[in-house]
Amino acid sequence: MADVGDFHGMHPAAPRPNAVPVKWSPVQRRTDRVRVRAYTCECLSVVFEQCVASGLGFVRRYDRSVWPESVVESPWVKVRDAEALWSQIILGEAQ
């Protein structure tokens, strides 16, 4: 049986010096249902979720290094554009 304590999820790369800034905004309740398609490891103080809702996609960012926890979202865009932003964050090309 695998040791659960050794399991980690995806860790994003550190932002590059030329990383594109993301326009983060406070969470606004737009819909009752949000589906999380991917997420980064819970062991990090900053966790990202790739989300879809109402036919649009966005990235949610949780910063647990501050109290209370800061939760912000990227702009809601076409799903393929949100997937591209997700890839940029994971590769350190956006922050």
N, C-alpha and C. Protein backbone atom coordinates (compact mmCIF):
# COMPACT_ATOMS: atom_id res chain seq x y z
N MET A 1 0.85 -1.18 0.00
CA MET A 1 0.00 0.00 0.00
C MET A 1 0.89 1.24 0.00
N ALA A 2 0.55 2.23 -0.80
CA ALA A 2 1.35 3.45 -0.90
C ALA A 2 1.22 4.29 0.36
N ASP A 3 2.29 4.95 0.70
CA ASP A 3 2.29 5.86 1.84
C ASP A 3 1.67 7.18 1.40
N VAL A 4 0.50 7.49 1.91
CA VAL A 4 -0.23 8.70 1.51
C VAL A 4 0.57 9.95 1.86
N GLY A 5 1.36 9.94 2.88
CA GLY A 5 2.13 11.10 3.29
C GLY A 5 3.16 11.53 2.25
N ASP A 6 3.55 10.64 1.35
CA ASP A 6 4.54 10.98 0.32
C ASP A 6 3.91 11.49 -0.97
N PHE A 7 2.59 11.51 -1.06
CA PHE A 7 1.93 11.92 -2.29
C PHE A 7 1.81 13.44 -2.34
N HIS A 8 2.15 13.99 -3.48
CA HIS A 8 1.97 15.42 -3.71
C HIS A 8 1.31 15.62 -5.06
N GLY A 9 0.56 16.69 -5.17
CA GLY A 9 -0.05 17.05 -6.43
C GLY A 9 0.91 17.90 -7.25
N MET A 10 0.37 18.52 -8.27
CA MET A 10 1.14 19.34 -9.19
C MET A 10 1.66 20.60 -8.49
N HIS A 11 2.93 20.90 -8.71
CA HIS A 11 3.54 22.13 -8.20
C HIS A 11 3.83 23.05 -9.38
N PRO A 12 3.32 24.30 -9.35
CA PRO A 12 3.64 25.20 -10.45
C PRO A 12 5.09 25.64 -10.37
N ALA A 13 5.65 25.98 -11.52
CA ALA A 13 7.01 26.51 -11.56
C ALA A 13 7.01 27.91 -10.94
N ALA A 14 8.15 28.31 -10.42
CA ALA A 14 8.27 29.67 -9.89
C ALA A 14 8.08 30.66 -11.04
N PRO A 15 7.41 31.79 -10.76
CA PRO A 15 7.21 32.77 -11.84
C PRO A 15 8.54 33.26 -12.40
N ARG A 16 8.61 33.31 -13.71
CA ARG A 16 9.80 33.82 -14.38
C ARG A 16 9.87 35.35 -14.22
N PRO A 17 11.05 35.94 -14.38
CA PRO A 17 11.16 37.40 -14.26
C PRO A 17 10.26 38.16 -15.25
N ASN A 18 10.02 37.57 -16.41
CA ASN A 18 9.19 38.23 -17.42
C ASN A 18 7.76 37.68 -17.44
N ALA A 19 7.31 37.11 -16.33
CA ALA A 19 5.97 36.52 -16.27
C ALA A 19 4.89 37.58 -16.47
N VAL A 20 3.87 37.22 -17.21
CA VAL A 20 2.75 38.11 -17.48
C VAL A 20 1.91 38.24 -16.22
N PRO A 21 1.58 39.46 -15.80
CA PRO A 21 0.72 39.59 -14.61
C PRO A 21 -0.73 39.21 -14.94
N VAL A 22 -1.38 38.53 -14.02
CA VAL A 22 -2.79 38.17 -14.17
C VAL A 22 -3.60 39.23 -13.43
N LYS A 23 -4.71 39.64 -14.01
CA LYS A 23 -5.58 40.62 -13.36
C LYS A 23 -6.51 39.88 -12.40
N TRP A 24 -6.05 39.69 -11.17
CA TRP A 24 -6.84 38.98 -10.16
C TRP A 24 -7.91 39.91 -9.60
N SER A 25 -9.10 39.37 -9.37
CA SER A 25 -10.22 40.13 -8.82
C SER A 25 -10.86 39.35 -7.68
N PRO A 26 -11.52 40.05 -6.75
CA PRO A 26 -12.22 39.34 -5.68
C PRO A 26 -13.27 38.40 -6.27
N VAL A 27 -13.54 37.32 -5.56
CA VAL A 27 -14.53 36.33 -6.00
C VAL A 27 -15.91 36.96 -5.97
N GLN A 28 -16.63 36.79 -7.06
CA GLN A 28 -18.03 37.23 -7.13
C GLN A 28 -18.88 36.02 -7.43
N ARG A 29 -19.89 35.81 -6.64
CA ARG A 29 -20.75 34.63 -6.85
C ARG A 29 -21.60 34.86 -8.09
N ARG A 30 -21.23 34.20 -9.17
CA ARG A 30 -21.94 34.34 -10.44
C ARG A 30 -22.86 33.16 -10.72
N THR A 31 -22.57 32.03 -10.11
CA THR A 31 -23.34 30.82 -10.37
C THR A 31 -23.30 29.92 -9.14
N ASP A 32 -24.23 28.99 -9.07
CA ASP A 32 -24.28 28.06 -7.94
C ASP A 32 -23.31 26.91 -8.08
N ARG A 33 -22.88 26.64 -9.32
CA ARG A 33 -22.02 25.47 -9.57
C ARG A 33 -20.73 25.87 -10.27
N VAL A 34 -19.64 25.44 -9.71
CA VAL A 34 -18.32 25.62 -10.32
C VAL A 34 -17.65 24.26 -10.31
N ARG A 35 -17.10 23.87 -11.46
CA ARG A 35 -16.40 22.59 -11.55
C ARG A 35 -14.91 22.86 -11.59
N VAL A 36 -14.18 22.23 -10.68
CA VAL A 36 -12.73 22.34 -10.64
C VAL A 36 -12.16 21.24 -11.53
N ARG A 37 -11.42 21.62 -12.56
CA ARG A 37 -10.87 20.66 -13.53
C ARG A 37 -9.45 20.24 -13.18
N ALA A 38 -8.71 21.12 -12.50
CA ALA A 38 -7.33 20.80 -12.11
C ALA A 38 -6.98 21.71 -10.92
N TYR A 39 -5.99 21.30 -10.18
CA TYR A 39 -5.56 22.09 -9.02
C TYR A 39 -4.12 21.78 -8.70
N THR A 40 -3.49 22.69 -7.96
CA THR A 40 -2.11 22.48 -7.54
C THR A 40 -2.10 21.88 -6.14
N CYS A 41 -0.94 21.48 -5.71
CA CYS A 41 -0.76 20.75 -4.46
C CYS A 41 -1.18 21.56 -3.24
N GLU A 42 -1.86 20.90 -2.33
CA GLU A 42 -2.33 21.52 -1.09
C GLU A 42 -1.20 21.80 -0.10
N CYS A 43 0.00 21.30 -0.36
CA CYS A 43 1.10 21.54 0.58
C CYS A 43 1.67 22.95 0.43
N LEU A 44 1.28 23.66 -0.63
CA LEU A 44 1.80 25.00 -0.89
C LEU A 44 0.93 26.05 -0.20
N SER A 45 1.52 27.21 0.09
CA SER A 45 0.74 28.28 0.71
C SER A 45 -0.14 28.99 -0.31
N VAL A 46 0.22 28.94 -1.59
CA VAL A 46 -0.61 29.49 -2.66
C VAL A 46 -1.07 28.32 -3.53
N VAL A 47 -2.39 28.15 -3.63
CA VAL A 47 -2.98 27.03 -4.38
C VAL A 47 -3.82 27.61 -5.51
N PHE A 48 -3.74 26.99 -6.67
CA PHE A 48 -4.52 27.41 -7.84
C PHE A 48 -5.50 26.32 -8.22
N GLU A 49 -6.67 26.73 -8.75
CA GLU A 49 -7.65 25.81 -9.29
C GLU A 49 -8.04 26.27 -10.69
N GLN A 50 -8.09 25.36 -11.62
CA GLN A 50 -8.62 25.65 -12.96
C GLN A 50 -10.10 25.30 -12.90
N CYS A 51 -10.96 26.28 -13.16
CA CYS A 51 -12.40 26.11 -12.97
C CYS A 51 -13.19 26.40 -14.24
N VAL A 52 -14.37 25.81 -14.33
CA VAL A 52 -15.33 26.13 -15.38
C VAL A 52 -16.71 26.28 -14.74
N ALA A 53 -17.48 27.23 -15.30
CA ALA A 53 -18.84 27.46 -14.83
C ALA A 53 -19.58 28.24 -15.90
N SER A 54 -20.82 27.89 -16.12
CA SER A 54 -21.68 28.61 -17.07
C SER A 54 -21.04 28.77 -18.44
N GLY A 55 -20.29 27.76 -18.88
CA GLY A 55 -19.68 27.80 -20.20
C GLY A 55 -18.42 28.63 -20.30
N LEU A 56 -17.93 29.15 -19.18
CA LEU A 56 -16.71 29.96 -19.16
C LEU A 56 -15.67 29.30 -18.25
N GLY A 57 -14.42 29.71 -18.42
CA GLY A 57 -13.35 29.18 -17.59
C GLY A 57 -12.62 30.30 -16.87
N PHE A 58 -11.97 29.96 -15.78
CA PHE A 58 -11.19 30.92 -15.00
C PHE A 58 -10.26 30.16 -14.08
N VAL A 59 -9.34 30.89 -13.47
CA VAL A 59 -8.43 30.30 -12.50
C VAL A 59 -8.68 30.98 -11.16
N ARG A 60 -8.80 30.18 -10.13
CA ARG A 60 -9.00 30.70 -8.77
C ARG A 60 -7.67 30.54 -8.02
N ARG A 61 -7.32 31.55 -7.23
CA ARG A 61 -6.05 31.56 -6.49
C ARG A 61 -6.34 31.73 -5.00
N TYR A 62 -5.84 30.79 -4.20
CA TYR A 62 -5.97 30.85 -2.74
C TYR A 62 -4.59 31.16 -2.15
N ASP A 63 -4.49 32.24 -1.41
CA ASP A 63 -3.23 32.58 -0.72
C ASP A 63 -3.44 32.36 0.76
N ARG A 64 -2.87 31.27 1.26
CA ARG A 64 -3.05 30.91 2.67
C ARG A 64 -1.91 31.42 3.54
N SER A 65 -1.03 32.25 2.96
CA SER A 65 0.07 32.81 3.75
C SER A 65 -0.39 34.02 4.55
N VAL A 66 -1.61 34.49 4.31
CA VAL A 66 -2.17 35.64 5.03
C VAL A 66 -3.43 35.21 5.76
N TRP A 67 -3.78 35.96 6.77
CA TRP A 67 -5.02 35.68 7.50
C TRP A 67 -5.88 36.92 7.49
N PRO A 68 -7.13 36.85 7.07
CA PRO A 68 -7.77 35.65 6.56
C PRO A 68 -7.26 35.30 5.17
N GLU A 69 -7.48 34.07 4.80
CA GLU A 69 -7.05 33.58 3.49
C GLU A 69 -7.58 34.49 2.39
N SER A 70 -6.74 34.78 1.41
CA SER A 70 -7.11 35.61 0.27
C SER A 70 -7.53 34.70 -0.89
N VAL A 71 -8.73 34.93 -1.43
CA VAL A 71 -9.22 34.15 -2.56
C VAL A 71 -9.59 35.12 -3.67
N VAL A 72 -8.96 34.94 -4.84
CA VAL A 72 -9.21 35.80 -5.99
C VAL A 72 -9.37 34.95 -7.24
N GLU A 73 -9.92 35.57 -8.29
CA GLU A 73 -10.14 34.85 -9.54
C GLU A 73 -9.60 35.65 -10.71
N SER A 74 -9.19 34.93 -11.73
CA SER A 74 -8.81 35.55 -13.00
C SER A 74 -10.10 35.98 -13.70
N PRO A 75 -9.98 36.75 -14.77
CA PRO A 75 -11.19 37.05 -15.55
C PRO A 75 -11.84 35.77 -16.07
N TRP A 76 -13.16 35.78 -16.18
CA TRP A 76 -13.90 34.66 -16.75
C TRP A 76 -13.85 34.82 -18.27
N VAL A 77 -13.34 33.82 -18.95
CA VAL A 77 -13.11 33.88 -20.39
C VAL A 77 -13.53 32.57 -21.04
N LYS A 78 -13.37 32.47 -22.35
CA LYS A 78 -13.63 31.20 -23.03
C LYS A 78 -12.78 30.11 -22.39
N VAL A 79 -13.32 28.91 -22.34
CA VAL A 79 -12.63 27.80 -21.67
C VAL A 79 -11.23 27.60 -22.23
N ARG A 80 -11.06 27.66 -23.54
CA ARG A 80 -9.72 27.44 -24.12
C ARG A 80 -8.73 28.52 -23.68
N ASP A 81 -9.22 29.76 -23.49
CA ASP A 81 -8.34 30.83 -23.01
C ASP A 81 -7.97 30.62 -21.54
N ALA A 82 -8.91 30.11 -20.75
CA ALA A 82 -8.62 29.80 -19.35
C ALA A 82 -7.63 28.64 -19.25
N GLU A 83 -7.75 27.66 -20.16
CA GLU A 83 -6.79 26.55 -20.18
C GLU A 83 -5.39 27.06 -20.53
N ALA A 84 -5.31 28.02 -21.44
CA ALA A 84 -4.02 28.61 -21.79
C ALA A 84 -3.43 29.36 -20.60
N LEU A 85 -4.26 30.10 -19.87
CA LEU A 85 -3.78 30.81 -18.67
C LEU A 85 -3.30 29.81 -17.64
N TRP A 86 -4.04 28.73 -17.45
CA TRP A 86 -3.63 27.68 -16.50
C TRP A 86 -2.24 27.16 -16.85
N SER A 87 -2.03 26.88 -18.12
CA SER A 87 -0.72 26.38 -18.57
C SER A 87 0.37 27.42 -18.29
N GLN A 88 0.07 28.68 -18.54
CA GLN A 88 1.06 29.73 -18.27
C GLN A 88 1.41 29.80 -16.79
N ILE A 89 0.42 29.68 -15.92
CA ILE A 89 0.69 29.70 -14.47
C ILE A 89 1.52 28.50 -14.07
N ILE A 90 1.17 27.32 -14.57
CA ILE A 90 1.91 26.10 -14.22
C ILE A 90 3.36 26.17 -14.70
N LEU A 91 3.58 26.78 -15.85
CA LEU A 91 4.93 26.89 -16.42
C LEU A 91 5.71 28.09 -15.90
N GLY A 92 5.09 28.92 -15.06
CA GLY A 92 5.77 30.11 -14.53
C GLY A 92 5.77 31.28 -15.48
N GLU A 93 4.95 31.21 -16.52
CA GLU A 93 4.89 32.29 -17.51
C GLU A 93 3.90 33.38 -17.15
N ALA A 94 3.06 33.14 -16.14
CA ALA A 94 2.09 34.13 -15.65
C ALA A 94 2.07 34.04 -14.14
N GLN A 95 1.75 35.17 -13.52
CA GLN A 95 1.67 35.19 -12.07
C GLN A 95 0.52 36.04 -11.59
